[in-house]
PDB file of N, CA and C in Angstrom:
ATOM      1  N   MET A   1      15.379  22.728   6.573  1.00  0.00           N
ATOM      2  CA  MET A   1      15.257  22.848   8.011  1.00  0.00           C
ATOM      3  C   MET A   1      16.261  23.874   8.506  1.00  0.00           C
ATOM      4  N   VAL A   2      15.819  24.793   9.312  1.00  0.00           N
ATOM      5  CA  VAL A   2      16.670  25.831   9.870  1.00  0.00           C
ATOM      6  C   VAL A   2      17.025  25.443  11.297  1.00  0.00           C
ATOM      7  N   HIS A   3      18.312  25.518  11.602  1.00  0.00           N
ATOM      8  CA  HIS A   3      18.784  25.206  12.951  1.00  0.00           C
ATOM      9  C   HIS A   3      19.033  26.498  13.703  1.00  0.00           C
ATOM     10  N   SER A   4      18.564  26.546  14.905  1.00  0.00           N
ATOM     11  CA  SER A   4      18.912  27.706  15.725  1.00  0.00           C
ATOM     12  C   SER A   4      20.338  27.518  16.214  1.00  0.00           C
ATOM     13  N   PRO A   5      21.074  28.608  16.456  1.00  0.00           N
ATOM     14  CA  PRO A   5      22.485  28.506  16.827  1.00  0.00           C
ATOM     15  C   PRO A   5      22.749  27.610  18.031  1.00  0.00           C
ATOM     16  N   GLU A   6      21.841  27.585  19.007  1.00  0.00           N
ATOM     17  CA  GLU A   6      22.098  26.785  20.186  1.00  0.00           C
ATOM     18  C   GLU A   6      21.989  25.288  19.913  1.00  0.00           C
ATOM     19  N   LEU A   7      21.398  24.891  18.803  1.00  0.00           N
ATOM     20  CA  LEU A   7      21.269  23.476  18.479  1.00  0.00           C
ATOM     21  C   LEU A   7      22.408  22.959  17.618  1.00  0.00           C
ATOM     22  N   VAL A   8      23.190  23.854  17.042  1.00  0.00           N
ATOM     23  CA  VAL A   8      24.311  23.448  16.206  1.00  0.00           C
ATOM     24  C   VAL A   8      25.481  23.093  17.119  1.00  0.00           C
ATOM     25  N   PRO A   9      25.994  21.859  17.003  1.00  0.00           N
ATOM     26  CA  PRO A   9      27.090  21.483  17.900  1.00  0.00           C
ATOM     27  C   PRO A   9      28.325  22.343  17.664  1.00  0.00           C
ATOM     28  N   THR A  10      28.955  22.758  18.751  1.00  0.00           N
ATOM     29  CA  THR A  10      30.169  23.545  18.675  1.00  0.00           C
ATOM     30  C   THR A  10      31.355  22.599  18.814  1.00  0.00           C
ATOM     31  N   LEU A  11      32.256  22.653  17.861  1.00  0.00           N
ATOM     32  CA  LEU A  11      33.439  21.804  17.910  1.00  0.00           C
ATOM     33  C   LEU A  11      34.461  22.400  18.861  1.00  0.00           C
ATOM     34  N   ALA A  12      35.135  21.531  19.575  1.00  0.00           N
ATOM     35  CA  ALA A  12      36.206  21.986  20.466  1.00  0.00           C
ATOM     36  C   ALA A  12      37.293  22.650  19.629  1.00  0.00           C
ATOM     37  N   PRO A  13      37.942  23.669  20.170  1.00  0.00           N
ATOM     38  CA  PRO A  13      39.001  24.331  19.395  1.00  0.00           C
ATOM     39  C   PRO A  13      40.195  23.406  19.192  1.00  0.00           C
ATOM     40  N   THR A  14      40.907  23.658  18.129  1.00  0.00           N
ATOM     41  CA  THR A  14      42.150  22.957  17.855  1.00  0.00           C
ATOM     42  C   THR A  14      43.270  23.714  18.546  1.00  0.00           C
ATOM     43  N   ILE A  15      44.145  22.982  19.224  1.00  0.00           N
ATOM     44  CA  ILE A  15      45.257  23.606  19.942  1.00  0.00           C
ATOM     45  C   ILE A  15      46.565  23.282  19.233  1.00  0.00           C
ATOM     46  N   VAL A  16      47.354  24.320  18.965  1.00  0.00           N
ATOM     47  CA  VAL A  16      48.668  24.168  18.352  1.00  0.00           C
ATOM     48  C   VAL A  16      49.716  24.629  19.360  1.00  0.00           C
ATOM     49  N   LEU A  17      50.628  23.751  19.695  1.00  0.00           N
ATOM     50  CA  LEU A  17      51.733  24.101  20.592  1.00  0.00           C
ATOM     51  C   LEU A  17      52.923  24.519  19.752  1.00  0.00           C
ATOM     52  N   VAL A  18      53.418  25.723  19.986  1.00  0.00           N
ATOM     53  CA  VAL A  18      54.576  26.224  19.253  1.00  0.00           C
ATOM     54  C   VAL A  18      55.804  26.036  20.133  1.00  0.00           C
ATOM     55  N   ASP A  19      56.723  25.230  19.648  1.00  0.00           N
ATOM     56  CA  ASP A  19      57.962  24.934  20.351  1.00  0.00           C
ATOM     57  C   ASP A  19      58.938  26.084  20.178  1.00  0.00           C
ATOM     58  N   ARG A  20      59.768  26.339  21.176  1.00  0.00           N
ATOM     59  CA  ARG A  20      60.699  27.474  21.075  1.00  0.00           C
ATOM     60  C   ARG A  20      61.730  27.304  19.965  1.00  0.00           C
ATOM     61  N   ASN A  21      61.973  26.077  19.529  1.00  0.00           N
ATOM     62  CA  ASN A  21      62.919  25.834  18.443  1.00  0.00           C
ATOM     63  C   ASN A  21      62.255  25.818  17.068  1.00  0.00           C
ATOM     64  N   MET A  22      60.957  26.039  17.028  1.00  0.00           N
ATOM     65  CA  MET A  22      60.207  25.992  15.776  1.00  0.00           C
ATOM     66  C   MET A  22      60.479  27.264  14.966  1.00  0.00           C
ATOM     67  N   SER A  23      60.849  27.084  13.720  1.00  0.00           N
ATOM     68  CA  SER A  23      61.072  28.235  12.843  1.00  0.00           C
ATOM     69  C   SER A  23      59.735  28.889  12.503  1.00  0.00           C
ATOM     70  N   SER A  24      59.792  30.094  11.989  1.00  0.00           N
ATOM     71  CA  SER A  24      58.568  30.789  11.579  1.00  0.00           C
ATOM     72  C   SER A  24      57.836  29.989  10.513  1.00  0.00           C
ATOM     73  N   ARG A  25      58.587  29.411   9.599  1.00  0.00           N
ATOM     74  CA  ARG A  25      57.998  28.617   8.519  1.00  0.00           C
ATOM     75  C   ARG A  25      57.311  27.369   9.075  1.00  0.00           C
ATOM     76  N   ALA A  26      57.971  26.694  10.010  1.00  0.00           N
ATOM     77  CA  ALA A  26      57.384  25.500  10.618  1.00  0.00           C
ATOM     78  C   ALA A  26      56.149  25.870  11.448  1.00  0.00           C
ATOM     79  N   MET A  27      56.212  27.012  12.131  1.00  0.00           N
ATOM     80  CA  MET A  27      55.070  27.480  12.901  1.00  0.00           C
ATOM     81  C   MET A  27      53.877  27.718  11.977  1.00  0.00           C
ATOM     82  N   ARG A  28      54.129  28.368  10.866  1.00  0.00           N
ATOM     83  CA  ARG A  28      53.061  28.640   9.890  1.00  0.00           C
ATOM     84  C   ARG A  28      52.457  27.346   9.367  1.00  0.00           C
ATOM     85  N   ARG A  29      53.317  26.382   9.004  1.00  0.00           N
ATOM     86  CA  ARG A  29      52.828  25.089   8.508  1.00  0.00           C
ATOM     87  C   ARG A  29      51.980  24.370   9.546  1.00  0.00           C
ATOM     88  N   ALA A  30      52.435  24.378  10.789  1.00  0.00           N
ATOM     89  CA  ALA A  30      51.699  23.702  11.858  1.00  0.00           C
ATOM     90  C   ALA A  30      50.327  24.333  12.067  1.00  0.00           C
ATOM     91  N   ILE A  31      50.281  25.658  12.071  1.00  0.00           N
ATOM     92  CA  ILE A  31      49.010  26.348  12.299  1.00  0.00           C
ATOM     93  C   ILE A  31      48.060  26.149  11.117  1.00  0.00           C
ATOM     94  N   LEU A  32      48.570  26.318   9.901  1.00  0.00           N
ATOM     95  CA  LEU A  32      47.707  26.130   8.728  1.00  0.00           C
ATOM     96  C   LEU A  32      47.231  24.687   8.622  1.00  0.00           C
ATOM     97  N   GLY A  33      48.083  23.743   8.982  1.00  0.00           N
ATOM     98  CA  GLY A  33      47.675  22.340   8.985  1.00  0.00           C
ATOM     99  C   GLY A  33      46.546  22.088   9.974  1.00  0.00           C
ATOM    100  N   ALA A  34      46.619  22.745  11.114  1.00  0.00           N
ATOM    101  CA  ALA A  34      45.576  22.597  12.133  1.00  0.00           C
ATOM    102  C   ALA A  34      44.255  23.215  11.678  1.00  0.00           C
ATOM    103  N   MET A  35      44.310  24.151  10.761  1.00  0.00           N
ATOM    104  CA  MET A  35      43.107  24.822  10.280  1.00  0.00           C
ATOM    105  C   MET A  35      42.388  24.029   9.195  1.00  0.00           C
ATOM    106  N   GLU A  36      43.010  22.979   8.693  1.00  0.00           N
ATOM    107  CA  GLU A  36      42.383  22.174   7.644  1.00  0.00           C
ATOM    108  C   GLU A  36      41.184  21.423   8.205  1.00  0.00           C
ATOM    109  N   GLY A  37      40.261  21.112   7.335  1.00  0.00           N
ATOM    110  CA  GLY A  37      39.098  20.344   7.760  1.00  0.00           C
ATOM    111  C   GLY A  37      37.982  21.228   8.255  1.00  0.00           C
ATOM    112  N   GLU A  38      37.195  20.679   9.154  1.00  0.00           N
ATOM    113  CA  GLU A  38      36.029  21.358   9.709  1.00  0.00           C
ATOM    114  C   GLU A  38      36.427  22.682  10.370  1.00  0.00           C
ATOM    115  N   PRO A  39      35.793  23.792   9.994  1.00  0.00           N
ATOM    116  CA  PRO A  39      36.115  25.068  10.629  1.00  0.00           C
ATOM    117  C   PRO A  39      35.842  25.024  12.135  1.00  0.00           C
ATOM    118  N   ARG A  40      36.777  25.530  12.910  1.00  0.00           N
ATOM    119  CA  ARG A  40      36.640  25.574  14.360  1.00  0.00           C
ATOM    120  C   ARG A  40      37.574  26.614  14.931  1.00  0.00           C
ATOM    121  N   GLY A  41      37.376  26.916  16.191  1.00  0.00           N
ATOM    122  CA  GLY A  41      38.259  27.850  16.866  1.00  0.00           C
ATOM    123  C   GLY A  41      39.675  27.294  16.916  1.00  0.00           C
ATOM    124  N   LEU A  42      40.619  28.195  17.024  1.00  0.00           N
ATOM    125  CA  LEU A  42      42.023  27.804  17.041  1.00  0.00           C
ATOM    126  C   LEU A  42      42.710  28.455  18.230  1.00  0.00           C
ATOM    127  N   VAL A  43      43.503  27.659  18.929  1.00  0.00           N
ATOM    128  CA  VAL A  43      44.276  28.142  20.067  1.00  0.00           C
ATOM    129  C   VAL A  43      45.740  27.885  19.744  1.00  0.00           C
ATOM    130  N   VAL A  44      46.558  28.923  19.815  1.00  0.00           N
ATOM    131  CA  VAL A  44      47.991  28.787  19.552  1.00  0.00           C
ATOM    132  C   VAL A  44      48.734  29.083  20.845  1.00  0.00           C
ATOM    133  N   ASP A  45      49.400  28.066  21.356  1.00  0.00           N
ATOM    134  CA  ASP A  45      50.143  28.183  22.618  1.00  0.00           C
ATOM    135  C   ASP A  45      51.563  28.635  22.310  1.00  0.00           C
ATOM    136  N   LEU A  46      51.866  29.875  22.670  1.00  0.00           N
ATOM    137  CA  LEU A  46      53.156  30.495  22.364  1.00  0.00           C
ATOM    138  C   LEU A  46      54.038  30.657  23.601  1.00  0.00           C
ATOM    139  N   ARG A  47      53.676  30.020  24.689  1.00  0.00           N
ATOM    140  CA  ARG A  47      54.398  30.219  25.947  1.00  0.00           C
ATOM    141  C   ARG A  47      55.859  29.788  25.893  1.00  0.00           C
ATOM    142  N   ALA A  48      56.209  28.865  25.016  1.00  0.00           N
ATOM    143  CA  ALA A  48      57.591  28.386  24.956  1.00  0.00           C
ATOM    144  C   ALA A  48      58.520  29.333  24.199  1.00  0.00           C
ATOM    145  N   LEU A  49      57.948  30.276  23.450  1.00  0.00           N
ATOM    146  CA  LEU A  49      58.777  31.169  22.640  1.00  0.00           C
ATOM    147  C   LEU A  49      59.634  32.094  23.494  1.00  0.00           C
ATOM    148  N   ARG A  50      60.853  32.284  23.050  1.00  0.00           N
ATOM    149  CA  ARG A  50      61.762  33.234  23.704  1.00  0.00           C
ATOM    150  C   ARG A  50      61.936  34.491  22.859  1.00  0.00           C
ATOM    151  N   VAL A  51      61.566  34.385  21.565  1.00  0.00           N
ATOM    152  CA  VAL A  51      61.673  35.506  20.627  1.00  0.00           C
ATOM    153  C   VAL A  51      60.413  35.541  19.774  1.00  0.00           C
ATOM    154  N   MET A  52      59.812  36.727  19.671  1.00  0.00           N
ATOM    155  CA  MET A  52      58.665  36.913  18.784  1.00  0.00           C
ATOM    156  C   MET A  52      59.121  37.828  17.655  1.00  0.00           C
ATOM    157  N   SER A  53      59.481  37.205  16.545  1.00  0.00           N
ATOM    158  CA  SER A  53      59.992  37.957  15.398  1.00  0.00           C
ATOM    159  C   SER A  53      58.846  38.604  14.631  1.00  0.00           C
ATOM    160  N   ASP A  54      59.199  39.544  13.771  1.00  0.00           N
ATOM    161  CA  ASP A  54      58.206  40.180  12.904  1.00  0.00           C
ATOM    162  C   ASP A  54      57.565  39.148  11.983  1.00  0.00           C
ATOM    163  N   THR A  55      58.329  38.146  11.568  1.00  0.00           N
ATOM    164  CA  THR A  55      57.800  37.098  10.692  1.00  0.00           C
ATOM    165  C   THR A  55      56.753  36.271  11.432  1.00  0.00           C
ATOM    166  N   ARG A  56      57.031  35.936  12.679  1.00  0.00           N
ATOM    167  CA  ARG A  56      56.043  35.192  13.478  1.00  0.00           C
ATOM    168  C   ARG A  56      54.792  36.042  13.708  1.00  0.00           C
ATOM    169  N   LEU A  57      54.970  37.324  13.964  1.00  0.00           N
ATOM    170  CA  LEU A  57      53.812  38.209  14.110  1.00  0.00           C
ATOM    171  C   LEU A  57      52.983  38.248  12.828  1.00  0.00           C
ATOM    172  N   ALA A  58      53.651  38.303  11.703  1.00  0.00           N
ATOM    173  CA  ALA A  58      52.946  38.315  10.413  1.00  0.00           C
ATOM    174  C   ALA A  58      52.139  37.031  10.225  1.00  0.00           C
ATOM    175  N   VAL A  59      52.691  35.906  10.653  1.00  0.00           N
ATOM    176  CA  VAL A  59      51.956  34.639  10.585  1.00  0.00           C
ATOM    177  C   VAL A  59      50.682  34.745  11.414  1.00  0.00           C
ATOM    178  N   LEU A  60      50.796  35.268  12.625  1.00  0.00           N
ATOM    179  CA  LEU A  60      49.634  35.384  13.505  1.00  0.00           C
ATOM    180  C   LEU A  60      48.581  36.335  12.940  1.00  0.00           C
ATOM    181  N   VAL A  61      49.017  37.441  12.361  1.00  0.00           N
ATOM    182  CA  VAL A  61      48.077  38.387  11.747  1.00  0.00           C
ATOM    183  C   VAL A  61      47.336  37.714  10.591  1.00  0.00           C
ATOM    184  N   SER A  62      48.062  36.967   9.768  1.00  0.00           N
ATOM    185  CA  SER A  62      47.464  36.261   8.639  1.00  0.00           C
ATOM    186  C   SER A  62      46.461  35.203   9.104  1.00  0.00           C
ATOM    187  N   VAL A  63      46.851  34.444  10.101  1.00  0.00           N
ATOM    188  CA  VAL A  63      45.972  33.400  10.636  1.00  0.00           C
ATOM    189  C   VAL A  63      44.728  34.026  11.262  1.00  0.00           C
ATOM    190  N   ASN A  64      44.907  35.127  11.963  1.00  0.00           N
ATOM    191  CA  ASN A  64      43.769  35.824  12.570  1.00  0.00           C
ATOM    192  C   ASN A  64      42.780  36.261  11.489  1.00  0.00           C
ATOM    193  N   ALA A  65      43.287  36.786  10.396  1.00  0.00           N
ATOM    194  CA  ALA A  65      42.417  37.215   9.298  1.00  0.00           C
ATOM    195  C   ALA A  65      41.675  36.017   8.690  1.00  0.00           C
ATOM    196  N   ARG A  66      42.371  34.911   8.532  1.00  0.00           N
ATOM    197  CA  ARG A  66      41.727  33.706   7.987  1.00  0.00           C
ATOM    198  C   ARG A  66      40.633  33.198   8.915  1.00  0.00           C
ATOM    199  N   GLN A  67      40.929  33.171  10.193  1.00  0.00           N
ATOM    200  CA  GLN A  67      39.934  32.695  11.152  1.00  0.00           C
ATOM    201  C   GLN A  67      38.711  33.604  11.157  1.00  0.00           C
ATOM    202  N   ARG A  68      38.915  34.900  11.119  1.00  0.00           N
ATOM    203  CA  ARG A  68      37.786  35.832  11.097  1.00  0.00           C
ATOM    204  C   ARG A  68      36.959  35.663   9.830  1.00  0.00           C
ATOM    205  N   ALA A  69      37.630  35.460   8.701  1.00  0.00           N
ATOM    206  CA  ALA A  69      36.918  35.250   7.435  1.00  0.00           C
ATOM    207  C   ALA A  69      36.065  33.982   7.501  1.00  0.00           C
ATOM    208  N   ARG A  70      36.512  33.006   8.259  1.00  0.00           N
ATOM    209  CA  ARG A  70      35.776  31.749   8.428  1.00  0.00           C
ATOM    210  C   ARG A  70      34.808  31.818   9.614  1.00  0.00           C
ATOM    211  N   ARG A  71      34.710  32.998  10.228  1.00  0.00           N
ATOM    212  CA  ARG A  71      33.853  33.228  11.395  1.00  0.00           C
ATOM    213  C   ARG A  71      34.231  32.311  12.564  1.00  0.00           C
ATOM    214  N   ASN A  72      35.531  32.202  12.764  1.00  0.00           N
ATOM    215  CA  ASN A  72      36.074  31.410  13.860  1.00  0.00           C
ATOM    216  C   ASN A  72      37.018  32.265  14.690  1.00  0.00           C
ATOM    217  N   THR A  73      37.355  31.751  15.839  1.00  0.00           N
ATOM    218  CA  THR A  73      38.193  32.492  16.766  1.00  0.00           C
ATOM    219  C   THR A  73      39.645  32.046  16.706  1.00  0.00           C
ATOM    220  N   LEU A  74      40.506  32.945  17.130  1.00  0.00           N
ATOM    221  CA  LEU A  74      41.919  32.642  17.348  1.00  0.00           C
ATOM    222  C   LEU A  74      42.254  33.161  18.735  1.00  0.00           C
ATOM    223  N   THR A  75      42.776  32.278  19.573  1.00  0.00           N
ATOM    224  CA  THR A  75      43.197  32.661  20.918  1.00  0.00           C
ATOM    225  C   THR A  75      44.674  32.349  21.059  1.00  0.00           C
ATOM    226  N   LEU A  76      45.440  33.316  21.535  1.00  0.00           N
ATOM    227  CA  LEU A  76      46.866  33.127  21.764  1.00  0.00           C
ATOM    228  C   LEU A  76      47.096  32.879  23.250  1.00  0.00           C
ATOM    229  N   VAL A  77      47.851  31.837  23.547  1.00  0.00           N
ATOM    230  CA  VAL A  77      48.214  31.546  24.931  1.00  0.00           C
ATOM    231  C   VAL A  77      49.634  32.049  25.129  1.00  0.00           C
ATOM    232  N   CYS A  78      49.774  33.020  26.009  1.00  0.00           N
ATOM    233  CA  CYS A  78      51.096  33.588  26.277  1.00  0.00           C
ATOM    234  C   CYS A  78      51.104  34.127  27.703  1.00  0.00           C
ATOM    235  N   GLY A  79      52.205  34.011  28.348  1.00  0.00           N
ATOM    236  CA  GLY A  79      52.299  34.482  29.727  1.00  0.00           C
ATOM    237  C   GLY A  79      52.219  35.992  29.818  1.00  0.00           C
ATOM    238  N   ASP A  80      51.864  36.473  31.009  1.00  0.00           N
ATOM    239  CA  ASP A  80      51.858  37.909  31.252  1.00  0.00           C
ATOM    240  C   ASP A  80      53.271  38.456  31.059  1.00  0.00           C
ATOM    241  N   ASN A  81      53.358  39.566  30.370  1.00  0.00           N
ATOM    242  CA  ASN A  81      54.635  40.216  30.075  1.00  0.00           C
ATOM    243  C   ASN A  81      55.602  39.316  29.296  1.00  0.00           C
ATOM    244  N   SER A  82      55.055  38.386  28.532  1.00  0.00           N
ATOM    245  CA  SER A  82      55.870  37.483  27.710  1.00  0.00           C
ATOM    246  C   SER A  82      56.366  38.217  26.460  1.00  0.00           C
ATOM    247  N   VAL A  83      57.247  37.570  25.717  1.00  0.00           N
ATOM    248  CA  VAL A  83      57.734  38.181  24.469  1.00  0.00           C
ATOM    249  C   VAL A  83      56.583  38.410  23.503  1.00  0.00           C
ATOM    250  N   THR A  84      55.587  37.538  23.527  1.00  0.00           N
ATOM    251  CA  THR A  84      54.431  37.715  22.651  1.00  0.00           C
ATOM    252  C   THR A  84      53.629  38.934  23.070  1.00  0.00           C
ATOM    253  N   GLN A  85      53.336  39.059  24.354  1.00  0.00           N
ATOM    254  CA  GLN A  85      52.600  40.226  24.848  1.00  0.00           C
ATOM    255  C   GLN A  85      53.362  41.514  24.548  1.00  0.00           C
ATOM    256  N   GLN A  86      54.659  41.509  24.753  1.00  0.00           N
ATOM    257  CA  GLN A  86      55.479  42.693  24.486  1.00  0.00           C
ATOM    258  C   GLN A  86      55.449  43.056  23.003  1.00  0.00           C
ATOM    259  N   ALA A  87      55.542  42.052  22.137  1.00  0.00           N
ATOM    260  CA  ALA A  87      55.529  42.314  20.688  1.00  0.00           C
ATOM    261  C   ALA A  87      54.172  42.858  20.247  1.00  0.00           C
ATOM    262  N   LEU A  88      53.095  42.301  20.786  1.00  0.00           N
ATOM    263  CA  LEU A  88      51.761  42.801  20.434  1.00  0.00           C
ATOM    264  C   LEU A  88      51.594  44.249  20.879  1.00  0.00           C
ATOM    265  N   ALA A  89      52.079  44.559  22.069  1.00  0.00           N
ATOM    266  CA  ALA A  89      51.987  45.937  22.574  1.00  0.00           C
ATOM    267  C   ALA A  89      52.846  46.884  21.744  1.00  0.00           C
ATOM    268  N   ARG A  90      54.066  46.465  21.430  1.00  0.00           N
ATOM    269  CA  ARG A  90      55.006  47.298  20.670  1.00  0.00           C
ATOM    270  C   ARG A  90      54.468  47.640  19.287  1.00  0.00           C
ATOM    271  N   THR A  91      53.730  46.698  18.686  1.00  0.00           N
ATOM    272  CA  THR A  91      53.235  46.892  17.322  1.00  0.00           C
ATOM    273  C   THR A  91      51.799  47.402  17.268  1.00  0.00           C
ATOM    274  N   GLY A  92      51.191  47.606  18.440  1.00  0.00           N
ATOM    275  CA  GLY A  92      49.816  48.095  18.472  1.00  0.00           C
ATOM    276  C   GLY A  92      48.782  47.038  18.136  1.00  0.00           C
ATOM    277  N   LEU A  93      49.129  45.767  18.258  1.00  0.00           N
ATOM    278  CA  LEU A  93      48.223  44.683  17.900  1.00  0.00           C
ATOM    279  C   LEU A  93      47.519  44.046  19.101  1.00  0.00           C
ATOM    280  N   THR A  94      47.704  44.607  20.266  1.00  0.00           N
ATOM    281  CA  THR A  94      47.138  43.998  21.471  1.00  0.00           C
ATOM    282  C   THR A  94      45.637  43.749  21.341  1.00  0.00           C
ATOM    283  N   ARG A  95      44.914  44.715  20.838  1.00  0.00           N
ATOM    284  CA  ARG A  95      43.453  44.582  20.725  1.00  0.00           C
ATOM    285  C   ARG A  95      43.009  43.710  19.560  1.00  0.00           C
ATOM    286  N   ALA A  96      43.912  43.380  18.668  1.00  0.00           N
ATOM    287  CA  ALA A  96      43.552  42.559  17.514  1.00  0.00           C
ATOM    288  C   ALA A  96      43.434  41.073  17.861  1.00  0.00           C
ATOM    289  N   PHE A  97      43.971  40.692  19.026  1.00  0.00           N
ATOM    290  CA  PHE A  97      44.008  39.281  19.404  1.00  0.00           C
ATOM    291  C   PHE A  97      43.384  39.057  20.771  1.00  0.00           C
ATOM    292  N   THR A  98      42.804  37.878  20.924  1.00  0.00           N
ATOM    293  CA  THR A  98      42.375  37.411  22.235  1.00  0.00           C
ATOM    294  C   THR A  98      43.551  36.652  22.823  1.00  0.00           C
ATOM    295  N   THR A  99      43.993  37.039  24.018  1.00  0.00           N
ATOM    296  CA  THR A  99      45.116  36.360  24.654  1.00  0.00           C
ATOM    297  C   THR A  99      44.699  35.871  26.037  1.00  0.00           C
ATOM    298  N   VAL A 100      45.268  34.750  26.425  1.00  0.00           N
ATOM    299  CA  VAL A 100      45.083  34.192  27.761  1.00  0.00           C
ATOM    300  C   VAL A 100      46.449  33.748  28.252  1.00  0.00           C
ATOM    301  N   SER A 101      46.570  33.572  29.554  1.00  0.00           N
ATOM    302  CA  SER A 101      47.871  33.186  30.097  1.00  0.00           C
ATOM    303  C   SER A 101      48.023  31.686  30.302  1.00  0.00           C
ATOM    304  N   GLY A 102      46.957  30.930  30.116  1.00  0.00           N
ATOM    305  CA  GLY A 102      47.047  29.481  30.262  1.00  0.00           C
ATOM    306  C   GLY A 102      45.893  28.783  29.573  1.00  0.00           C
ATOM    307  N   LEU A 103      46.043  27.502  29.318  1.00  0.00           N
ATOM    308  CA  LEU A 103      45.013  26.740  28.613  1.00  0.00           C
ATOM    309  C   LEU A 103      43.731  26.619  29.434  1.00  0.00           C
ATOM    310  N   THR A 104      43.828  26.707  30.747  1.00  0.00           N
ATOM    311  CA  THR A 104      42.620  26.615  31.566  1.00  0.00           C
ATOM    312  C   THR A 104      41.803  27.894  31.513  1.00  0.00           C
ATOM    313  N   MET A 105      42.346  28.941  30.907  1.00  0.00           N
ATOM    314  CA  MET A 105      41.660  30.226  30.835  1.00  0.00           C
ATOM    315  C   MET A 105      41.030  30.491  29.473  1.00  0.00           C
ATOM    316  N   LEU A 106      40.867  29.445  28.662  1.00  0.00           N
ATOM    317  CA  LEU A 106      40.313  29.619  27.323  1.00  0.00           C
ATOM    318  C   LEU A 106      38.862  30.087  27.390  1.00  0.00           C
ATOM    319  N   PRO A 107      38.509  30.983  26.454  1.00  0.00           N
ATOM    320  CA  PRO A 107      37.108  31.413  26.406  1.00  0.00           C
ATOM    321  C   PRO A 107      36.228  30.250  25.932  1.00  0.00           C
ATOM    322  N   PRO A 108      34.960  30.207  26.295  1.00  0.00           N
ATOM    323  CA  PRO A 108      34.080  29.120  25.856  1.00  0.00           C
ATOM    324  C   PRO A 108      33.871  29.146  24.351  1.00  0.00           C
ATOM    325  N   GLY A 109      33.649  27.944  23.791  1.00  0.00           N
ATOM    326  CA  GLY A 109      33.338  27.823  22.363  1.00  0.00           C
ATOM    327  C   GLY A 109      34.552  27.833  21.570  1.00  0.00           C
TER     328      GLY A 109
END
Protein backbone atom coordinates (compact mmCIF):
# COMPACT_ATOMS: atom_id res chain seq x y z
CA MET A 1 0.00 0.00 0.00
CA VAL A 2 1.36 3.40 -0.97
CA HIS A 3 0.63 6.35 1.28
CA SER A 4 0.39 9.81 -0.11
CA PRO A 5 2.46 12.35 1.87
CA GLU A 6 -0.59 14.13 3.25
CA LEU A 7 -1.83 10.91 4.88
CA VAL A 8 1.41 10.13 6.70
CA PRO A 9 1.21 11.57 10.21
CA THR A 10 3.79 14.25 10.91
CA LEU A 11 5.44 13.98 14.30
CA ALA A 12 5.84 17.12 16.36
CA PRO A 13 9.44 18.34 16.44
CA THR A 14 11.64 17.56 19.39
CA ILE A 15 12.77 20.66 21.28
CA VAL A 16 16.15 20.84 23.01
CA LEU A 17 16.80 23.71 25.41
CA VAL A 18 20.47 24.63 25.65
CA ASP A 19 21.36 26.12 29.02
CA ARG A 20 23.99 28.86 29.13
CA ASN A 21 26.09 26.75 31.52
CA MET A 22 25.96 23.70 29.24
CA SER A 23 29.34 22.67 27.87
CA SER A 24 29.76 21.95 24.16
CA ARG A 25 30.05 18.26 24.99
CA ALA A 26 26.86 18.29 27.07
CA MET A 27 25.07 20.24 24.33
CA ARG A 28 26.11 17.63 21.77
CA ARG A 29 24.94 14.77 24.02
CA ALA A 30 21.59 16.44 24.65
CA ILE A 31 20.96 17.07 20.95
CA LEU A 32 22.06 13.62 19.80
CA GLY A 33 19.96 12.05 22.55
CA ALA A 34 16.94 13.97 21.31
CA MET A 35 17.56 12.63 17.80
CA GLU A 36 17.25 9.01 18.91
CA GLY A 37 14.15 7.08 18.01
CA GLU A 38 11.58 8.05 15.42
CA PRO A 39 13.00 10.55 12.90
CA ARG A 40 11.45 14.00 13.34
CA GLY A 41 12.21 17.66 13.09
CA LEU A 42 14.50 19.12 15.70
CA VAL A 43 14.38 22.53 17.35
CA VAL A 44 17.39 23.73 19.35
CA ASP A 45 16.70 26.70 21.62
CA LEU A 46 19.96 28.64 21.97
CA ARG A 47 18.55 31.85 23.44
CA ALA A 48 20.24 31.33 26.82
CA LEU A 49 23.74 31.17 25.34
CA ARG A 50 26.10 34.05 26.00
CA VAL A 51 28.97 32.59 23.94
CA MET A 52 28.81 30.68 20.66
CA SER A 53 32.14 28.89 20.40
CA ASP A 54 33.56 27.28 17.29
CA THR A 55 33.00 23.90 18.98
CA ARG A 56 29.30 24.65 19.49
CA LEU A 57 29.04 25.78 15.86
CA ALA A 58 30.66 22.52 14.76
CA VAL A 59 28.06 20.60 16.76
CA LEU A 60 25.27 22.49 14.99
CA VAL A 61 26.82 21.91 11.55
CA SER A 62 27.12 18.18 12.30
CA VAL A 63 23.56 17.94 13.59
CA ASN A 64 22.28 19.85 10.57
CA ALA A 65 23.99 17.37 8.26
CA ARG A 66 22.52 14.43 10.17
CA GLN A 67 19.03 15.89 10.05
CA ARG A 68 19.29 16.54 6.32
CA ALA A 69 20.54 13.00 5.71
CA ARG A 70 17.45 11.76 7.58
CA ARG A 71 15.27 14.18 5.56
CA ASN A 72 14.35 16.11 8.67
CA THR A 73 14.59 19.72 9.68
CA LEU A 74 16.73 21.59 12.17
CA THR A 75 15.51 24.94 13.45
CA LEU A 76 17.61 27.15 15.71
CA VAL A 77 15.85 29.45 18.15
CA CYS A 78 17.97 32.52 18.79
CA GLY A 79 17.21 36.16 19.37
CA ASP A 80 17.80 38.84 16.77
CA ASN A 81 21.43 39.94 16.86
CA SER A 82 22.19 37.19 19.39
CA VAL A 83 25.60 35.55 19.78
CA THR A 84 24.29 32.69 17.65
CA GLN A 85 23.13 34.99 14.85
CA GLN A 86 26.45 36.87 14.98
CA ALA A 87 28.46 33.63 14.84
CA LEU A 88 26.44 32.32 11.89
CA ALA A 89 26.96 35.59 10.03
CA ARG A 90 30.68 35.76 10.88
CA THR A 91 31.26 32.22 9.57
CA GLY A 92 29.02 32.51 6.51
CA LEU A 93 26.59 29.89 7.83
CA THR A 94 23.49 32.08 8.00
CA ARG A 95 21.86 30.44 4.99
CA ALA A 96 22.73 26.93 6.14
CA PHE A 97 20.27 27.09 9.04
CA THR A 98 16.64 27.93 9.61
CA THR A 99 16.48 30.38 12.53
CA VAL A 100 13.57 31.87 14.44
CA SER A 101 13.50 34.28 17.34
CA GLY A 102 10.99 32.40 19.48
CA LEU A 103 9.23 29.06 19.88
CA THR A 104 5.94 30.55 18.69
CA MET A 105 7.59 31.30 15.34
CA LEU A 106 8.43 27.69 14.44
CA PRO A 107 7.82 26.65 10.86
CA PRO A 108 5.02 24.06 10.39
CA GLY A 109 5.89 20.36 10.41
